[in-house]
Structures are given as structure tokens and as C-alpha cells.
PDB file of N, CA and C in Angstrom:
ATOM      1  N   MET A   1       0.712  -1.192  -0.101  1.00  0.00           N
ATOM      2  CA  MET A   1      -0.060   0.103  -0.130  1.00  0.00           C
ATOM      3  C   MET A   1       1.021   1.261   0.075  1.00  0.00           C
ATOM      4  N   GLY A   2       0.641   2.034  -0.948  1.00  0.00           N
ATOM      5  CA  GLY A   2       1.419   3.357  -1.010  1.00  0.00           C
ATOM      6  C   GLY A   2       0.769   4.580  -0.590  1.00  0.00           C
ATOM      7  N   THR A   3       1.444   5.778  -0.341  1.00  0.00           N
ATOM      8  CA  THR A   3       0.714   6.761  -0.113  1.00  0.00           C
ATOM      9  C   THR A   3       1.289   7.953  -0.925  1.00  0.00           C
ATOM     10  N   SER A   4       0.602   9.299  -0.984  1.00  0.00           N
ATOM     11  CA  SER A   4       0.986  10.267  -1.715  1.00  0.00           C
ATOM     12  C   SER A   4       0.405  11.575  -0.860  1.00  0.00           C
ATOM     13  N   SER A   5       1.286  12.622  -0.820  1.00  0.00           N
ATOM     14  CA  SER A   5       0.954  13.828  -0.150  1.00  0.00           C
ATOM     15  C   SER A   5      -0.298  14.496  -0.696  1.00  0.00           C
ATOM     16  N   ILE A   6      -1.226  15.029   0.049  1.00  0.00           N
ATOM     17  CA  ILE A   6      -2.335  15.695  -0.283  1.00  0.00           C
ATOM     18  C   ILE A   6      -2.497  16.924   0.355  1.00  0.00           C
ATOM     19  N   GLU A   7      -3.040  17.963  -0.245  1.00  0.00           N
ATOM     20  CA  GLU A   7      -3.396  19.208   0.210  1.00  0.00           C
ATOM     21  C   GLU A   7      -4.531  19.090   1.259  1.00  0.00           C
ATOM     22  N   PHE A   8      -4.680  19.644   2.486  1.00  0.00           N
ATOM     23  CA  PHE A   8      -5.771  19.288   3.432  1.00  0.00           C
ATOM     24  C   PHE A   8      -7.040  19.647   2.973  1.00  0.00           C
ATOM     25  N   ALA A   9      -7.165  20.674   2.093  1.00  0.00           N
ATOM     26  CA  ALA A   9      -8.276  21.139   1.748  1.00  0.00           C
ATOM     27  C   ALA A   9      -8.997  20.338   0.553  1.00  0.00           C
ATOM     28  N   ARG A  10      -8.214  19.509  -0.101  1.00  0.00           N
ATOM     29  CA  ARG A  10      -8.467  18.912  -1.184  1.00  0.00           C
ATOM     30  C   ARG A  10      -8.998  17.248  -0.973  1.00  0.00           C
ATOM     31  N   ILE A  11      -9.040  17.064   0.286  1.00  0.00           N
ATOM     32  CA  ILE A  11      -9.404  15.680   0.654  1.00  0.00           C
ATOM     33  C   ILE A  11     -11.139  15.685   0.620  1.00  0.00           C
ATOM     34  N   GLU A  12     -11.420  14.279   0.320  1.00  0.00           N
ATOM     35  CA  GLU A  12     -12.834  14.168   0.096  1.00  0.00           C
ATOM     36  C   GLU A  12     -13.574  12.971   0.858  1.00  0.00           C
ATOM     37  N   ARG A  13     -14.741  13.094   1.059  1.00  0.00           N
ATOM     38  CA  ARG A  13     -15.469  12.045   1.823  1.00  0.00           C
ATOM     39  C   ARG A  13     -15.192  10.690   1.247  1.00  0.00           C
ATOM     40  N   GLY A  14     -15.110   9.704   2.092  1.00  0.00           N
ATOM     41  CA  GLY A  14     -14.676   8.523   1.545  1.00  0.00           C
ATOM     42  C   GLY A  14     -13.379   8.076   1.341  1.00  0.00           C
ATOM     43  N   GLU A  15     -12.375   9.003   1.335  1.00  0.00           N
ATOM     44  CA  GLU A  15     -11.093   8.667   1.268  1.00  0.00           C
ATOM     45  C   GLU A  15     -10.457   8.043   2.296  1.00  0.00           C
ATOM     46  N   ALA A  16      -9.634   7.112   2.144  1.00  0.00           N
ATOM     47  CA  ALA A  16      -8.711   6.428   3.258  1.00  0.00           C
ATOM     48  C   ALA A  16      -7.454   7.141   3.262  1.00  0.00           C
ATOM     49  N   ILE A  17      -7.105   7.631   4.545  1.00  0.00           N
ATOM     50  CA  ILE A  17      -5.988   8.547   4.887  1.00  0.00           C
ATOM     51  C   ILE A  17      -5.257   8.135   6.138  1.00  0.00           C
ATOM     52  N   VAL A  18      -4.060   8.599   6.065  1.00  0.00           N
ATOM     53  CA  VAL A  18      -3.123   8.545   7.254  1.00  0.00           C
ATOM     54  C   VAL A  18      -2.949   9.939   7.737  1.00  0.00           C
ATOM     55  N   VAL A  19      -3.161  10.454   8.996  1.00  0.00           N
ATOM     56  CA  VAL A  19      -2.779  11.543   9.578  1.00  0.00           C
ATOM     57  C   VAL A  19      -1.660  11.567  10.524  1.00  0.00           C
ATOM     58  N   ASP A  20      -0.670  12.317  10.276  1.00  0.00           N
ATOM     59  CA  ASP A  20       0.668  12.337  11.465  1.00  0.00           C
ATOM     60  C   ASP A  20       0.718  13.860  11.750  1.00  0.00           C
ATOM     61  N   GLY A  21       0.692  14.137  13.011  1.00  0.00           N
ATOM     62  CA  GLY A  21       0.995  15.490  13.372  1.00  0.00           C
ATOM     63  C   GLY A  21       1.660  15.426  14.810  1.00  0.00           C
ATOM     64  N   PRO A  22       1.852  16.480  15.151  1.00  0.00           N
ATOM     65  CA  PRO A  22       2.494  16.770  16.516  1.00  0.00           C
ATOM     66  C   PRO A  22       1.565  16.234  17.720  1.00  0.00           C
ATOM     67  N   HIS A  23       2.143  15.950  18.973  1.00  0.00           N
ATOM     68  CA  HIS A  23       1.636  15.764  20.252  1.00  0.00           C
ATOM     69  C   HIS A  23       0.892  14.376  19.994  1.00  0.00           C
ATOM     70  N   GLY A  24       1.319  13.607  19.289  1.00  0.00           N
ATOM     71  CA  GLY A  24       0.676  12.046  19.299  1.00  0.00           C
ATOM     72  C   GLY A  24      -0.515  12.030  18.258  1.00  0.00           C
ATOM     73  N   LEU A  25      -0.736  12.910  17.598  1.00  0.00           N
ATOM     74  CA  LEU A  25      -1.747  12.844  16.599  1.00  0.00           C
ATOM     75  C   LEU A  25      -1.299  11.970  15.506  1.00  0.00           C
ATOM     76  N   ASN A  26      -1.733  10.775  15.388  1.00  0.00           N
ATOM     77  CA  ASN A  26      -1.263   9.703  14.356  1.00  0.00           C
ATOM     78  C   ASN A  26      -2.468   8.810  14.275  1.00  0.00           C
ATOM     79  N   LEU A  27      -3.160   8.809  13.089  1.00  0.00           N
ATOM     80  CA  LEU A  27      -4.380   7.865  12.861  1.00  0.00           C
ATOM     81  C   LEU A  27      -4.405   7.544  11.417  1.00  0.00           C
ATOM     82  N   ALA A  28      -5.068   6.448  11.317  1.00  0.00           N
ATOM     83  CA  ALA A  28      -5.467   6.007   9.780  1.00  0.00           C
ATOM     84  C   ALA A  28      -7.008   5.872   9.943  1.00  0.00           C
ATOM     85  N   GLY A  29      -7.746   6.010   8.852  1.00  0.00           N
ATOM     86  CA  GLY A  29      -9.031   5.809   8.762  1.00  0.00           C
ATOM     87  C   GLY A  29      -9.606   6.391   7.361  1.00  0.00           C
ATOM     88  N   ILE A  30     -10.952   6.556   7.522  1.00  0.00           N
ATOM     89  CA  ILE A  30     -11.807   6.911   6.345  1.00  0.00           C
ATOM     90  C   ILE A  30     -12.446   8.226   6.819  1.00  0.00           C
ATOM     91  N   VAL A  31     -12.465   9.096   5.746  1.00  0.00           N
ATOM     92  CA  VAL A  31     -12.940  10.574   5.942  1.00  0.00           C
ATOM     93  C   VAL A  31     -14.494  10.391   5.815  1.00  0.00           C
ATOM     94  N   GLU A  32     -14.855  10.790   6.934  1.00  0.00           N
ATOM     95  CA  GLU A  32     -16.560  10.704   7.139  1.00  0.00           C
ATOM     96  C   GLU A  32     -17.341  12.062   6.498  1.00  0.00           C
ATOM     97  N   ASP A  33     -16.433  13.275   6.839  1.00  0.00           N
ATOM     98  CA  ASP A  33     -16.972  14.530   6.403  1.00  0.00           C
ATOM     99  C   ASP A  33     -15.934  15.518   6.369  1.00  0.00           C
ATOM    100  N   VAL A  34     -16.040  16.566   5.638  1.00  0.00           N
ATOM    101  CA  VAL A  34     -15.227  17.699   5.514  1.00  0.00           C
ATOM    102  C   VAL A  34     -15.943  19.126   5.552  1.00  0.00           C
ATOM    103  N   ALA A  35     -15.382  19.793   6.269  1.00  0.00           N
ATOM    104  CA  ALA A  35     -16.108  21.358   6.480  1.00  0.00           C
ATOM    105  C   ALA A  35     -16.270  21.956   5.037  1.00  0.00           C
ATOM    106  N   PRO A  36     -17.130  22.591   4.833  1.00  0.00           N
ATOM    107  CA  PRO A  36     -17.115  23.264   3.551  1.00  0.00           C
ATOM    108  C   PRO A  36     -15.850  24.296   3.090  1.00  0.00           C
ATOM    109  N   ASP A  37     -15.294  24.881   4.222  1.00  0.00           N
ATOM    110  CA  ASP A  37     -14.097  25.652   3.764  1.00  0.00           C
ATOM    111  C   ASP A  37     -12.663  24.702   3.965  1.00  0.00           C
ATOM    112  N   GLY A  38     -12.883  23.422   4.175  1.00  0.00           N
ATOM    113  CA  GLY A  38     -11.784  22.467   3.967  1.00  0.00           C
ATOM    114  C   GLY A  38     -10.865  22.760   5.212  1.00  0.00           C
ATOM    115  N   SER A  39     -11.392  23.202   6.327  1.00  0.00           N
ATOM    116  CA  SER A  39     -10.502  23.486   7.579  1.00  0.00           C
ATOM    117  C   SER A  39     -10.636  22.445   8.634  1.00  0.00           C
ATOM    118  N   VAL A  40     -11.526  21.524   8.484  1.00  0.00           N
ATOM    119  CA  VAL A  40     -11.911  20.417   9.392  1.00  0.00           C
ATOM    120  C   VAL A  40     -12.135  19.071   8.680  1.00  0.00           C
ATOM    121  N   LEU A  41     -11.511  17.975   9.137  1.00  0.00           N
ATOM    122  CA  LEU A  41     -11.943  16.857   8.756  1.00  0.00           C
ATOM    123  C   LEU A  41     -12.463  16.079   9.811  1.00  0.00           C
ATOM    124  N   TRP A  42     -13.251  14.893   9.707  1.00  0.00           N
ATOM    125  CA  TRP A  42     -13.739  14.008  10.515  1.00  0.00           C
ATOM    126  C   TRP A  42     -13.353  12.726  10.035  1.00  0.00           C
ATOM    127  N   VAL A  43     -12.724  11.867  10.984  1.00  0.00           N
ATOM    128  CA  VAL A  43     -12.220  10.791  10.255  1.00  0.00           C
ATOM    129  C   VAL A  43     -12.689   9.562  11.337  1.00  0.00           C
ATOM    130  N   ARG A  44     -13.285   8.478  10.573  1.00  0.00           N
ATOM    131  CA  ARG A  44     -13.452   7.124  11.454  1.00  0.00           C
ATOM    132  C   ARG A  44     -12.348   6.547  11.380  1.00  0.00           C
ATOM    133  N   GLU A  45     -11.509   6.315  12.591  1.00  0.00           N
ATOM    134  CA  GLU A  45     -10.336   5.590  12.730  1.00  0.00           C
ATOM    135  C   GLU A  45     -10.523   4.231  12.419  1.00  0.00           C
ATOM    136  N   ASP A  46      -9.444   3.488  11.700  1.00  0.00           N
ATOM    137  CA  ASP A  46      -9.480   2.218  11.413  1.00  0.00           C
ATOM    138  C   ASP A  46      -9.316   1.355  12.852  1.00  0.00           C
ATOM    139  N   GLY A  47      -9.857   0.211  12.942  1.00  0.00           N
ATOM    140  CA  GLY A  47      -9.816  -0.709  14.097  1.00  0.00           C
ATOM    141  C   GLY A  47     -10.943  -0.368  15.120  1.00  0.00           C
ATOM    142  N   GLY A  48     -11.872   0.363  14.891  1.00  0.00           N
ATOM    143  CA  GLY A  48     -13.183   0.658  15.705  1.00  0.00           C
ATOM    144  C   GLY A  48     -12.601   1.623  16.790  1.00  0.00           C
ATOM    145  N   HIS A  49     -11.738   2.496  16.507  1.00  0.00           N
ATOM    146  CA  HIS A  49     -11.266   3.478  17.711  1.00  0.00           C
ATOM    147  C   HIS A  49     -12.058   4.706  17.750  1.00  0.00           C
ATOM    148  N   GLY A  50     -13.143   4.934  16.986  1.00  0.00           N
ATOM    149  CA  GLY A  50     -14.098   5.929  16.871  1.00  0.00           C
ATOM    150  C   GLY A  50     -13.708   6.968  15.960  1.00  0.00           C
ATOM    151  N   ARG A  51     -14.275   8.067  16.224  1.00  0.00           N
ATOM    152  CA  ARG A  51     -14.223   9.189  15.197  1.00  0.00           C
ATOM    153  C   ARG A  51     -13.449  10.373  15.734  1.00  0.00           C
ATOM    154  N   ARG A  52     -12.487  11.019  14.943  1.00  0.00           N
ATOM    155  CA  ARG A  52     -11.670  12.114  15.475  1.00  0.00           C
ATOM    156  C   ARG A  52     -11.698  13.343  14.398  1.00  0.00           C
ATOM    157  N   MET A  53     -11.835  14.466  15.009  1.00  0.00           N
ATOM    158  CA  MET A  53     -11.763  15.654  14.246  1.00  0.00           C
ATOM    159  C   MET A  53     -10.366  16.079  14.203  1.00  0.00           C
ATOM    160  N   VAL A  54     -10.064  16.631  12.951  1.00  0.00           N
ATOM    161  CA  VAL A  54      -8.560  17.067  12.650  1.00  0.00           C
ATOM    162  C   VAL A  54      -8.926  18.547  12.024  1.00  0.00           C
ATOM    163  N   HIS A  55      -8.294  19.427  12.601  1.00  0.00           N
ATOM    164  CA  HIS A  55      -8.392  20.830  12.194  1.00  0.00           C
ATOM    165  C   HIS A  55      -6.923  21.189  11.488  1.00  0.00           C
ATOM    166  N   VAL A  56      -7.288  22.048  10.326  1.00  0.00           N
ATOM    167  CA  VAL A  56      -6.066  22.409   9.519  1.00  0.00           C
ATOM    168  C   VAL A  56      -5.010  23.152  10.197  1.00  0.00           C
ATOM    169  N   THR A  57      -5.298  23.710  11.483  1.00  0.00           N
ATOM    170  CA  THR A  57      -4.316  24.425  12.324  1.00  0.00           C
ATOM    171  C   THR A  57      -3.437  23.280  13.478  1.00  0.00           C
ATOM    172  N   ASP A  58      -4.022  22.033  13.235  1.00  0.00           N
ATOM    173  CA  ASP A  58      -3.311  20.922  14.228  1.00  0.00           C
ATOM    174  C   ASP A  58      -1.896  20.770  13.591  1.00  0.00           C
ATOM    175  N   GLY A  59      -1.541  21.227  12.540  1.00  0.00           N
ATOM    176  CA  GLY A  59      -0.329  20.998  12.000  1.00  0.00           C
ATOM    177  C   GLY A  59      -0.101  19.608  11.479  1.00  0.00           C
ATOM    178  N   ALA A  60      -0.950  18.821  11.066  1.00  0.00           N
ATOM    179  CA  ALA A  60      -0.769  17.567  10.647  1.00  0.00           C
ATOM    180  C   ALA A  60      -0.580  17.408   9.126  1.00  0.00           C
ATOM    181  N   THR A  61       0.172  16.356   8.736  1.00  0.00           N
ATOM    182  CA  THR A  61       0.424  15.763   7.342  1.00  0.00           C
ATOM    183  C   THR A  61      -0.603  14.890   7.053  1.00  0.00           C
ATOM    184  N   VAL A  62      -1.386  15.080   5.972  1.00  0.00           N
ATOM    185  CA  VAL A  62      -2.436  14.016   5.582  1.00  0.00           C
ATOM    186  C   VAL A  62      -1.849  13.267   4.289  1.00  0.00           C
ATOM    187  N   GLN A  63      -1.981  11.916   4.420  1.00  0.00           N
ATOM    188  CA  GLN A  63      -1.424  11.264   3.300  1.00  0.00           C
ATOM    189  C   GLN A  63      -2.715  10.221   2.690  1.00  0.00           C
ATOM    190  N   ARG A  64      -2.705  10.341   1.438  1.00  0.00           N
ATOM    191  CA  ARG A  64      -3.870   9.363   0.824  1.00  0.00           C
ATOM    192  C   ARG A  64      -3.331   7.790   0.651  1.00  0.00           C
ATOM    193  N   GLN A  65      -4.122   7.032   1.255  1.00  0.00           N
ATOM    194  CA  GLN A  65      -3.608   5.566   1.134  1.00  0.00           C
ATOM    195  C   GLN A  65      -4.093   4.989  -0.133  1.00  0.00           C
ATOM    196  N   HIS A  66      -3.348   4.263  -0.806  1.00  0.00           N
ATOM    197  CA  HIS A  66      -3.679   3.553  -1.949  1.00  0.00           C
ATOM    198  C   HIS A  66      -3.759   1.921  -1.746  1.00  0.00           C
ATOM    199  N   THR A  67      -4.826   1.500  -2.219  1.00  0.00           N
ATOM    200  CA  THR A  67      -5.041   0.140  -1.949  1.00  0.00           C
ATOM    201  C   THR A  67      -4.383  -0.757  -2.924  1.00  0.00           C
ATOM    202  N   GLY A  68      -3.681  -0.385  -4.107  1.00  0.00           N
ATOM    203  CA  GLY A  68      -3.183  -1.245  -5.042  1.00  0.00           C
ATOM    204  C   GLY A  68      -4.409  -1.823  -6.043  1.00  0.00           C
ATOM    205  N   GLU A  69      -5.368  -1.137  -6.041  1.00  0.00           N
ATOM    206  CA  GLU A  69      -6.460  -1.748  -6.937  1.00  0.00           C
ATOM    207  C   GLU A  69      -6.100  -2.002  -8.475  1.00  0.00           C
TER     208      GLU A  69
END
């Protein structure tokens, strides 16, 4: 499975992503929703760990996951 960098505001619902950021912000999951202005993502974490909100000011890097289809 590969990854590619993506701009935070260009993420869409249903995409599989990995989020890496400061202070332990590290998760993988599916984007459930995106704020209209692209400032906030809601991600359903893999493994049943719940839903997390990620804000553009969190300083996170978002990677798109490719499944090798």
C-alpha cells in the first residue's frame, strides 16, 4: 500500500487517509466529512477506535492511502 501527499483542503469524503501530526496525532481511517471551507476533517479511525476531528491548524500531514487496485 503506497501513500501520496495531499493538500488538506483537497480531501474528500470516503477517502482512506493517514494523519501524522504533533503531540501524538497519528491515525488512519476513512474521511466521514469535510467542512465546506476545508478546515476540518472528521475521520472514522481504523480498528473501531471512534471518530476524530482534525483541524487544519493542528499542523498535521495528511497522506492518501492507495490500496493497489
